[in-house]
PDB file of N, CA and C in Angstrom:
ATOM      1  N   UNK A   1     130.596 112.498  96.020  1.00  0.00           N
ATOM      2  CA  UNK A   1     130.109 111.134  95.974  1.00  0.00           C
ATOM      3  C   UNK A   1     130.735 110.440  94.763  1.00  0.00           C
ATOM      4  N   UNK A   2     131.188 109.251  94.955  1.00  0.00           N
ATOM      5  CA  UNK A   2     131.863 108.496  93.908  1.00  0.00           C
ATOM      6  C   UNK A   2     130.927 107.381  93.429  1.00  0.00           C
ATOM      7  N   UNK A   3     130.756 107.287  92.128  1.00  0.00           N
ATOM      8  CA  UNK A   3     129.939 106.208  91.585  1.00  0.00           C
ATOM      9  C   UNK A   3     130.855 105.225  90.878  1.00  0.00           C
ATOM     10  N   UNK A   4     130.596 103.963  91.084  1.00  0.00           N
ATOM     11  CA  UNK A   4     131.415 102.921  90.471  1.00  0.00           C
ATOM     12  C   UNK A   4     131.034 102.756  89.013  1.00  0.00           C
ATOM     13  N   UNK A   5     132.027 102.586  88.190  1.00  0.00           N
ATOM     14  CA  UNK A   5     131.797 102.331  86.777  1.00  0.00           C
ATOM     15  C   UNK A   5     131.477 100.848  86.593  1.00  0.00           C
ATOM     16  N   UNK A   6     130.638 100.540  85.608  1.00  0.00           N
ATOM     17  CA  UNK A   6     130.351  99.118  85.383  1.00  0.00           C
ATOM     18  C   UNK A   6     131.621  98.416  84.903  1.00  0.00           C
ATOM     19  N   UNK A   7     131.761  97.136  85.255  1.00  0.00           N
ATOM     20  CA  UNK A   7     132.959  96.413  84.828  1.00  0.00           C
ATOM     21  C   UNK A   7     132.997  96.272  83.306  1.00  0.00           C
ATOM     22  N   UNK A   8     134.181  96.339  82.768  1.00  0.00           N
ATOM     23  CA  UNK A   8     134.374  96.177  81.327  1.00  0.00           C
ATOM     24  C   UNK A   8     134.614  94.693  81.069  1.00  0.00           C
ATOM     25  N   UNK A   9     133.808  94.076  80.183  1.00  0.00           N
ATOM     26  CA  UNK A   9     134.012  92.645  79.919  1.00  0.00           C
ATOM     27  C   UNK A   9     135.346  92.416  79.212  1.00  0.00           C
ATOM     28  N   UNK A  10     135.942  91.290  79.521  1.00  0.00           N
ATOM     29  CA  UNK A  10     137.205  90.943  78.876  1.00  0.00           C
ATOM     30  C   UNK A  10     136.935  90.531  77.430  1.00  0.00           C
ATOM     31  N   UNK A  11     137.978  90.481  76.640  1.00  0.00           N
ATOM     32  CA  UNK A  11     137.848  90.042  75.247  1.00  0.00           C
ATOM     33  C   UNK A  11     137.311  88.615  75.190  1.00  0.00           C
ATOM     34  N   UNK A  12     137.741  87.783  76.140  1.00  0.00           N
ATOM     35  CA  UNK A  12     137.261  86.404  76.191  1.00  0.00           C
ATOM     36  C   UNK A  12     135.761  86.359  76.495  1.00  0.00           C
ATOM     37  N   UNK A  13     135.295  87.185  77.445  1.00  0.00           N
ATOM     38  CA  UNK A  13     133.866  87.236  77.770  1.00  0.00           C
ATOM     39  C   UNK A  13     133.043  87.672  76.564  1.00  0.00           C
ATOM     40  N   UNK A  14     133.526  88.678  75.841  1.00  0.00           N
ATOM     41  CA  UNK A  14     132.831  89.170  74.646  1.00  0.00           C
ATOM     42  C   UNK A  14     132.769  88.069  73.603  1.00  0.00           C
ATOM     43  N   UNK A  15     133.882  87.397  73.357  1.00  0.00           N
ATOM     44  CA  UNK A  15     133.928  86.312  72.377  1.00  0.00           C
ATOM     45  C   UNK A  15     132.953  85.199  72.749  1.00  0.00           C
ATOM     46  N   UNK A  16     132.980  84.776  74.017  1.00  0.00           N
ATOM     47  CA  UNK A  16     132.104  83.680  74.445  1.00  0.00           C
ATOM     48  C   UNK A  16     130.630  84.055  74.342  1.00  0.00           C
ATOM     49  N   UNK A  17     130.299  85.282  74.691  1.00  0.00           N
ATOM     50  CA  UNK A  17     128.904  85.737  74.583  1.00  0.00           C
ATOM     51  C   UNK A  17     128.460  85.747  73.125  1.00  0.00           C
ATOM     52  N   UNK A  18     129.322  86.225  72.238  1.00  0.00           N
ATOM     53  CA  UNK A  18     128.984  86.248  70.811  1.00  0.00           C
ATOM     54  C   UNK A  18     128.855  84.837  70.255  1.00  0.00           C
ATOM     55  N   UNK A  19     129.723  83.935  70.696  1.00  0.00           N
ATOM     56  CA  UNK A  19     129.663  82.541  70.236  1.00  0.00           C
ATOM     57  C   UNK A  19     128.370  81.879  70.707  1.00  0.00           C
ATOM     58  N   UNK A  20     128.012  82.091  71.981  1.00  0.00           N
ATOM     59  CA  UNK A  20     126.759  81.520  72.498  1.00  0.00           C
ATOM     60  C   UNK A  20     125.567  82.020  71.696  1.00  0.00           C
ATOM     61  N   UNK A  21     125.531  83.307  71.424  1.00  0.00           N
ATOM     62  CA  UNK A  21     124.429  83.884  70.661  1.00  0.00           C
ATOM     63  C   UNK A  21     124.372  83.285  69.256  1.00  0.00           C
ATOM     64  N   UNK A  22     125.535  83.134  68.614  1.00  0.00           N
ATOM     65  CA  UNK A  22     125.578  82.548  67.271  1.00  0.00           C
ATOM     66  C   UNK A  22     125.079  81.107  67.293  1.00  0.00           C
ATOM     67  N   UNK A  23     125.513  80.321  68.287  1.00  0.00           N
ATOM     68  CA  UNK A  23     125.082  78.922  68.393  1.00  0.00           C
ATOM     69  C   UNK A  23     123.577  78.846  68.597  1.00  0.00           C
ATOM     70  N   UNK A  24     123.036  79.695  69.456  1.00  0.00           N
ATOM     71  CA  UNK A  24     121.582  79.683  69.695  1.00  0.00           C
ATOM     72  C   UNK A  24     120.841  80.053  68.418  1.00  0.00           C
ATOM     73  N   UNK A  25     121.283  81.097  67.729  1.00  0.00           N
ATOM     74  CA  UNK A  25     120.610  81.501  66.478  1.00  0.00           C
ATOM     75  C   UNK A  25     120.656  80.398  65.439  1.00  0.00           C
ATOM     76  N   UNK A  26     121.825  79.756  65.268  1.00  0.00           N
ATOM     77  CA  UNK A  26     121.947  78.676  64.292  1.00  0.00           C
ATOM     78  C   UNK A  26     121.086  77.487  64.678  1.00  0.00           C
ATOM     79  N   UNK A  27     121.012  77.200  65.959  1.00  0.00           N
ATOM     80  CA  UNK A  27     120.210  76.071  66.419  1.00  0.00           C
ATOM     81  C   UNK A  27     118.725  76.355  66.254  1.00  0.00           C
ATOM     82  N   UNK A  28     118.298  77.568  66.555  1.00  0.00           N
ATOM     83  CA  UNK A  28     116.889  77.940  66.341  1.00  0.00           C
ATOM     84  C   UNK A  28     116.545  77.799  64.860  1.00  0.00           C
ATOM     85  N   UNK A  29     117.428  78.255  63.982  1.00  0.00           N
ATOM     86  CA  UNK A  29     117.166  78.162  62.541  1.00  0.00           C
ATOM     87  C   UNK A  29     117.054  76.713  62.077  1.00  0.00           C
ATOM     88  N   UNK A  30     117.704  75.781  62.782  1.00  0.00           N
ATOM     89  CA  UNK A  30     117.684  74.375  62.399  1.00  0.00           C
ATOM     90  C   UNK A  30     116.497  73.608  62.973  1.00  0.00           C
ATOM     91  N   UNK A  31     115.678  74.255  63.788  1.00  0.00           N
ATOM     92  CA  UNK A  31     114.523  73.577  64.370  1.00  0.00           C
ATOM     93  C   UNK A  31     113.521  73.202  63.282  1.00  0.00           C
ATOM     94  N   UNK A  32     112.734  72.150  63.515  1.00  0.00           N
ATOM     95  CA  UNK A  32     111.765  71.718  62.506  1.00  0.00           C
ATOM     96  C   UNK A  32     110.514  72.591  62.454  1.00  0.00           C
ATOM     97  N   UNK A  33     109.821  72.499  61.341  1.00  0.00           N
ATOM     98  CA  UNK A  33     108.502  73.121  61.177  1.00  0.00           C
ATOM     99  C   UNK A  33     108.462  74.611  61.425  1.00  0.00           C
ATOM    100  N   UNK A  34     107.449  75.019  62.180  1.00  0.00           N
ATOM    101  CA  UNK A  34     107.234  76.442  62.473  1.00  0.00           C
ATOM    102  C   UNK A  34     108.073  76.942  63.638  1.00  0.00           C
ATOM    103  N   UNK A  35     108.834  76.058  64.243  1.00  0.00           N
ATOM    104  CA  UNK A  35     109.586  76.430  65.442  1.00  0.00           C
ATOM    105  C   UNK A  35     110.476  77.660  65.259  1.00  0.00           C
ATOM    106  N   UNK A  36     111.249  77.765  64.171  1.00  0.00           N
ATOM    107  CA  UNK A  36     112.097  78.957  64.045  1.00  0.00           C
ATOM    108  C   UNK A  36     111.294  80.257  64.067  1.00  0.00           C
ATOM    109  N   UNK A  37     110.161  80.282  63.359  1.00  0.00           N
ATOM    110  CA  UNK A  37     109.343  81.495  63.321  1.00  0.00           C
ATOM    111  C   UNK A  37     108.714  81.775  64.676  1.00  0.00           C
ATOM    112  N   UNK A  38     108.242  80.724  65.346  1.00  0.00           N
ATOM    113  CA  UNK A  38     107.599  80.897  66.641  1.00  0.00           C
ATOM    114  C   UNK A  38     108.599  81.374  67.691  1.00  0.00           C
ATOM    115  N   UNK A  39     109.754  80.744  67.760  1.00  0.00           N
ATOM    116  CA  UNK A  39     110.770  81.142  68.742  1.00  0.00           C
ATOM    117  C   UNK A  39     111.247  82.561  68.470  1.00  0.00           C
ATOM    118  N   UNK A  40     111.456  82.908  67.211  1.00  0.00           N
ATOM    119  CA  UNK A  40     111.891  84.269  66.869  1.00  0.00           C
ATOM    120  C   UNK A  40     110.838  85.288  67.287  1.00  0.00           C
ATOM    121  N   UNK A  41     109.576  84.969  67.057  1.00  0.00           N
ATOM    122  CA  UNK A  41     108.504  85.895  67.431  1.00  0.00           C
ATOM    123  C   UNK A  41     108.428  86.049  68.950  1.00  0.00           C
ATOM    124  N   UNK A  42     108.593  84.951  69.669  1.00  0.00           N
ATOM    125  CA  UNK A  42     108.526  85.011  71.128  1.00  0.00           C
ATOM    126  C   UNK A  42     109.713  85.762  71.727  1.00  0.00           C
ATOM    127  N   UNK A  43     110.801  85.872  70.981  1.00  0.00           N
ATOM    128  CA  UNK A  43     111.989  86.582  71.467  1.00  0.00           C
ATOM    129  C   UNK A  43     111.907  88.087  71.208  1.00  0.00           C
ATOM    130  N   UNK A  44     110.862  88.526  70.494  1.00  0.00           N
ATOM    131  CA  UNK A  44     110.704  89.959  70.229  1.00  0.00           C
ATOM    132  C   UNK A  44     110.441  90.705  71.525  1.00  0.00           C
ATOM    133  N   UNK A  45     110.765  91.980  71.524  1.00  0.00           N
ATOM    134  CA  UNK A  45     110.540  92.807  72.714  1.00  0.00           C
ATOM    135  C   UNK A  45     109.653  93.976  72.339  1.00  0.00           C
ATOM    136  N   UNK A  46     108.438  94.021  72.803  1.00  0.00           N
ATOM    137  CA  UNK A  46     107.747  93.034  73.628  1.00  0.00           C
ATOM    138  C   UNK A  46     107.261  91.868  72.763  1.00  0.00           C
ATOM    139  N   UNK A  47     107.083  90.699  73.382  1.00  0.00           N
ATOM    140  CA  UNK A  47     106.598  89.560  72.604  1.00  0.00           C
ATOM    141  C   UNK A  47     105.151  89.792  72.165  1.00  0.00           C
ATOM    142  N   UNK A  48     104.805  89.304  70.985  1.00  0.00           N
ATOM    143  CA  UNK A  48     103.419  89.468  70.524  1.00  0.00           C
ATOM    144  C   UNK A  48     102.468  88.612  71.357  1.00  0.00           C
ATOM    145  N   UNK A  49     101.214  89.011  71.350  1.00  0.00           N
ATOM    146  CA  UNK A  49     100.193  88.232  72.054  1.00  0.00           C
ATOM    147  C   UNK A  49      99.937  86.937  71.281  1.00  0.00           C
ATOM    148  N   UNK A  50      99.284  85.980  71.940  1.00  0.00           N
ATOM    149  CA  UNK A  50      98.944  84.740  71.254  1.00  0.00           C
ATOM    150  C   UNK A  50      98.010  85.028  70.074  1.00  0.00           C
ATOM    151  N   UNK A  51      97.158  86.025  70.215  1.00  0.00           N
ATOM    152  CA  UNK A  51      96.266  86.390  69.099  1.00  0.00           C
ATOM    153  C   UNK A  51      97.088  86.851  67.900  1.00  0.00           C
ATOM    154  N   UNK A  52      98.077  87.723  68.153  1.00  0.00           N
ATOM    155  CA  UNK A  52      98.943  88.200  67.070  1.00  0.00           C
ATOM    156  C   UNK A  52      99.755  87.050  66.465  1.00  0.00           C
ATOM    157  N   UNK A  53     100.253  86.171  67.319  1.00  0.00           N
ATOM    158  CA  UNK A  53     101.001  85.013  66.814  1.00  0.00           C
ATOM    159  C   UNK A  53     100.113  84.125  65.955  1.00  0.00           C
ATOM    160  N   UNK A  54      98.893  83.922  66.412  1.00  0.00           N
ATOM    161  CA  UNK A  54      97.948  83.098  65.674  1.00  0.00           C
ATOM    162  C   UNK A  54      97.734  83.638  64.266  1.00  0.00           C
ATOM    163  N   UNK A  55      97.560  84.931  64.163  1.00  0.00           N
ATOM    164  CA  UNK A  55      97.353  85.552  62.857  1.00  0.00           C
ATOM    165  C   UNK A  55      98.626  85.505  62.013  1.00  0.00           C
ATOM    166  N   UNK A  56      99.744  85.847  62.615  1.00  0.00           N
ATOM    167  CA  UNK A  56     101.007  85.915  61.886  1.00  0.00           C
ATOM    168  C   UNK A  56     101.456  84.555  61.367  1.00  0.00           C
ATOM    169  N   UNK A  57     101.303  83.510  62.210  1.00  0.00           N
ATOM    170  CA  UNK A  57     101.789  82.189  61.845  1.00  0.00           C
ATOM    171  C   UNK A  57     100.709  81.286  61.271  1.00  0.00           C
ATOM    172  N   UNK A  58      99.500  81.810  61.164  1.00  0.00           N
ATOM    173  CA  UNK A  58      98.367  81.047  60.629  1.00  0.00           C
ATOM    174  C   UNK A  58      98.207  79.716  61.360  1.00  0.00           C
ATOM    175  N   UNK A  59      98.169  79.806  62.697  1.00  0.00           N
ATOM    176  CA  UNK A  59      97.955  78.605  63.487  1.00  0.00           C
ATOM    177  C   UNK A  59      96.925  78.903  64.570  1.00  0.00           C
ATOM    178  N   UNK A  60      96.158  77.906  64.976  1.00  0.00           N
ATOM    179  CA  UNK A  60      95.154  78.132  66.016  1.00  0.00           C
ATOM    180  C   UNK A  60      95.804  78.625  67.308  1.00  0.00           C
ATOM    181  N   UNK A  61      95.140  79.558  67.964  1.00  0.00           N
ATOM    182  CA  UNK A  61      95.669  80.128  69.200  1.00  0.00           C
ATOM    183  C   UNK A  61      95.921  79.045  70.252  1.00  0.00           C
ATOM    184  N   UNK A  62      95.050  78.055  70.303  1.00  0.00           N
ATOM    185  CA  UNK A  62      95.185  76.987  71.286  1.00  0.00           C
ATOM    186  C   UNK A  62      96.369  76.072  71.060  1.00  0.00           C
ATOM    187  N   UNK A  63      96.955  76.098  69.880  1.00  0.00           N
ATOM    188  CA  UNK A  63      98.107  75.221  69.633  1.00  0.00           C
ATOM    189  C   UNK A  63      99.437  75.941  69.837  1.00  0.00           C
ATOM    190  N   UNK A  64      99.401  77.237  70.098  1.00  0.00           N
ATOM    191  CA  UNK A  64     100.647  77.989  70.267  1.00  0.00           C
ATOM    192  C   UNK A  64     101.404  77.531  71.509  1.00  0.00           C
ATOM    193  N   UNK A  65     100.733  77.409  72.642  1.00  0.00           N
ATOM    194  CA  UNK A  65     101.388  76.989  73.885  1.00  0.00           C
ATOM    195  C   UNK A  65     102.034  75.617  73.778  1.00  0.00           C
ATOM    196  N   UNK A  66     101.270  74.589  73.335  1.00  0.00           N
ATOM    197  CA  UNK A  66     101.870  73.262  73.193  1.00  0.00           C
ATOM    198  C   UNK A  66     103.013  73.241  72.161  1.00  0.00           C
ATOM    199  N   UNK A  67     102.844  73.978  71.068  1.00  0.00           N
ATOM    200  CA  UNK A  67     103.902  74.034  70.052  1.00  0.00           C
ATOM    201  C   UNK A  67     105.134  74.708  70.632  1.00  0.00           C
ATOM    202  N   UNK A  68     104.919  75.787  71.368  1.00  0.00           N
ATOM    203  CA  UNK A  68     106.022  76.497  72.032  1.00  0.00           C
ATOM    204  C   UNK A  68     106.789  75.552  72.946  1.00  0.00           C
ATOM    205  N   UNK A  69     106.062  74.764  73.732  1.00  0.00           N
ATOM    206  CA  UNK A  69     106.706  73.814  74.649  1.00  0.00           C
ATOM    207  C   UNK A  69     107.528  72.781  73.897  1.00  0.00           C
ATOM    208  N   UNK A  70     106.982  72.234  72.820  1.00  0.00           N
ATOM    209  CA  UNK A  70     107.716  71.244  72.026  1.00  0.00           C
ATOM    210  C   UNK A  70     108.955  71.875  71.388  1.00  0.00           C
ATOM    211  N   UNK A  71     108.809  73.093  70.866  1.00  0.00           N
ATOM    212  CA  UNK A  71     109.939  73.775  70.226  1.00  0.00           C
ATOM    213  C   UNK A  71     111.048  74.059  71.233  1.00  0.00           C
ATOM    214  N   UNK A  72     110.682  74.535  72.415  1.00  0.00           N
ATOM    215  CA  UNK A  72     111.693  74.827  73.433  1.00  0.00           C
ATOM    216  C   UNK A  72     112.372  73.548  73.926  1.00  0.00           C
ATOM    217  N   UNK A  73     111.620  72.454  74.045  1.00  0.00           N
ATOM    218  CA  UNK A  73     112.214  71.174  74.453  1.00  0.00           C
ATOM    219  C   UNK A  73     113.205  70.699  73.393  1.00  0.00           C
ATOM    220  N   UNK A  74     112.838  70.829  72.141  1.00  0.00           N
ATOM    221  CA  UNK A  74     113.722  70.442  71.042  1.00  0.00           C
ATOM    222  C   UNK A  74     114.970  71.333  71.034  1.00  0.00           C
ATOM    223  N   UNK A  75     114.784  72.628  71.203  1.00  0.00           N
ATOM    224  CA  UNK A  75     115.913  73.564  71.251  1.00  0.00           C
ATOM    225  C   UNK A  75     116.845  73.198  72.405  1.00  0.00           C
ATOM    226  N   UNK A  76     116.281  72.900  73.550  1.00  0.00           N
ATOM    227  CA  UNK A  76     117.075  72.522  74.722  1.00  0.00           C
ATOM    228  C   UNK A  76     117.903  71.270  74.433  1.00  0.00           C
ATOM    229  N   UNK A  77     117.265  70.256  73.821  1.00  0.00           N
ATOM    230  CA  UNK A  77     117.988  69.018  73.491  1.00  0.00           C
ATOM    231  C   UNK A  77     119.136  69.295  72.526  1.00  0.00           C
ATOM    232  N   UNK A  78     118.865  70.078  71.493  1.00  0.00           N
ATOM    233  CA  UNK A  78     119.909  70.381  70.507  1.00  0.00           C
ATOM    234  C   UNK A  78     121.055  71.176  71.118  1.00  0.00           C
ATOM    235  N   UNK A  79     120.728  72.141  71.956  1.00  0.00           N
ATOM    236  CA  UNK A  79     121.782  72.936  72.587  1.00  0.00           C
ATOM    237  C   UNK A  79     122.598  72.095  73.562  1.00  0.00           C
ATOM    238  N   UNK A  80     121.948  71.198  74.282  1.00  0.00           N
ATOM    239  CA  UNK A  80     122.688  70.310  75.181  1.00  0.00           C
ATOM    240  C   UNK A  80     123.590  69.365  74.396  1.00  0.00           C
ATOM    241  N   UNK A  81     123.124  68.887  73.250  1.00  0.00           N
ATOM    242  CA  UNK A  81     123.946  68.032  72.404  1.00  0.00           C
ATOM    243  C   UNK A  81     125.156  68.802  71.887  1.00  0.00           C
ATOM    244  N   UNK A  82     124.968  70.071  71.588  1.00  0.00           N
ATOM    245  CA  UNK A  82     126.069  70.939  71.126  1.00  0.00           C
ATOM    246  C   UNK A  82     127.082  71.125  72.248  1.00  0.00           C
ATOM    247  N   UNK A  83     126.574  71.263  73.444  1.00  0.00           N
ATOM    248  CA  UNK A  83     127.433  71.557  74.593  1.00  0.00           C
ATOM    249  C   UNK A  83     128.158  70.305  75.095  1.00  0.00           C
ATOM    250  N   UNK A  84     127.467  69.183  75.043  1.00  0.00           N
ATOM    251  CA  UNK A  84     128.034  67.925  75.544  1.00  0.00           C
ATOM    252  C   UNK A  84     127.967  66.846  74.464  1.00  0.00           C
ATOM    253  N   UNK A  85     128.743  66.990  73.405  1.00  0.00           N
ATOM    254  CA  UNK A  85     128.665  65.996  72.319  1.00  0.00           C
ATOM    255  C   UNK A  85     129.147  64.614  72.731  1.00  0.00           C
TER     256      UNK A  85
END
């Protein structure tokens, strides 16, 4: 039985993936307020619970969802501006 090997990414694919990751990290760091800490925490594997986030970031549990939405909307706008200046 023959098993196929996974495709090897080209040097260009590796470069572009690394560049995208760098741009996202730099853009997250440039977000206002608690957004960088919140987005970084939500990107953890596994992500912390809202209770853990509330304690870690010293913010009410009920404001995490709305803050998350605002932070992601801001991140989306900034990344789109980067992509389509």
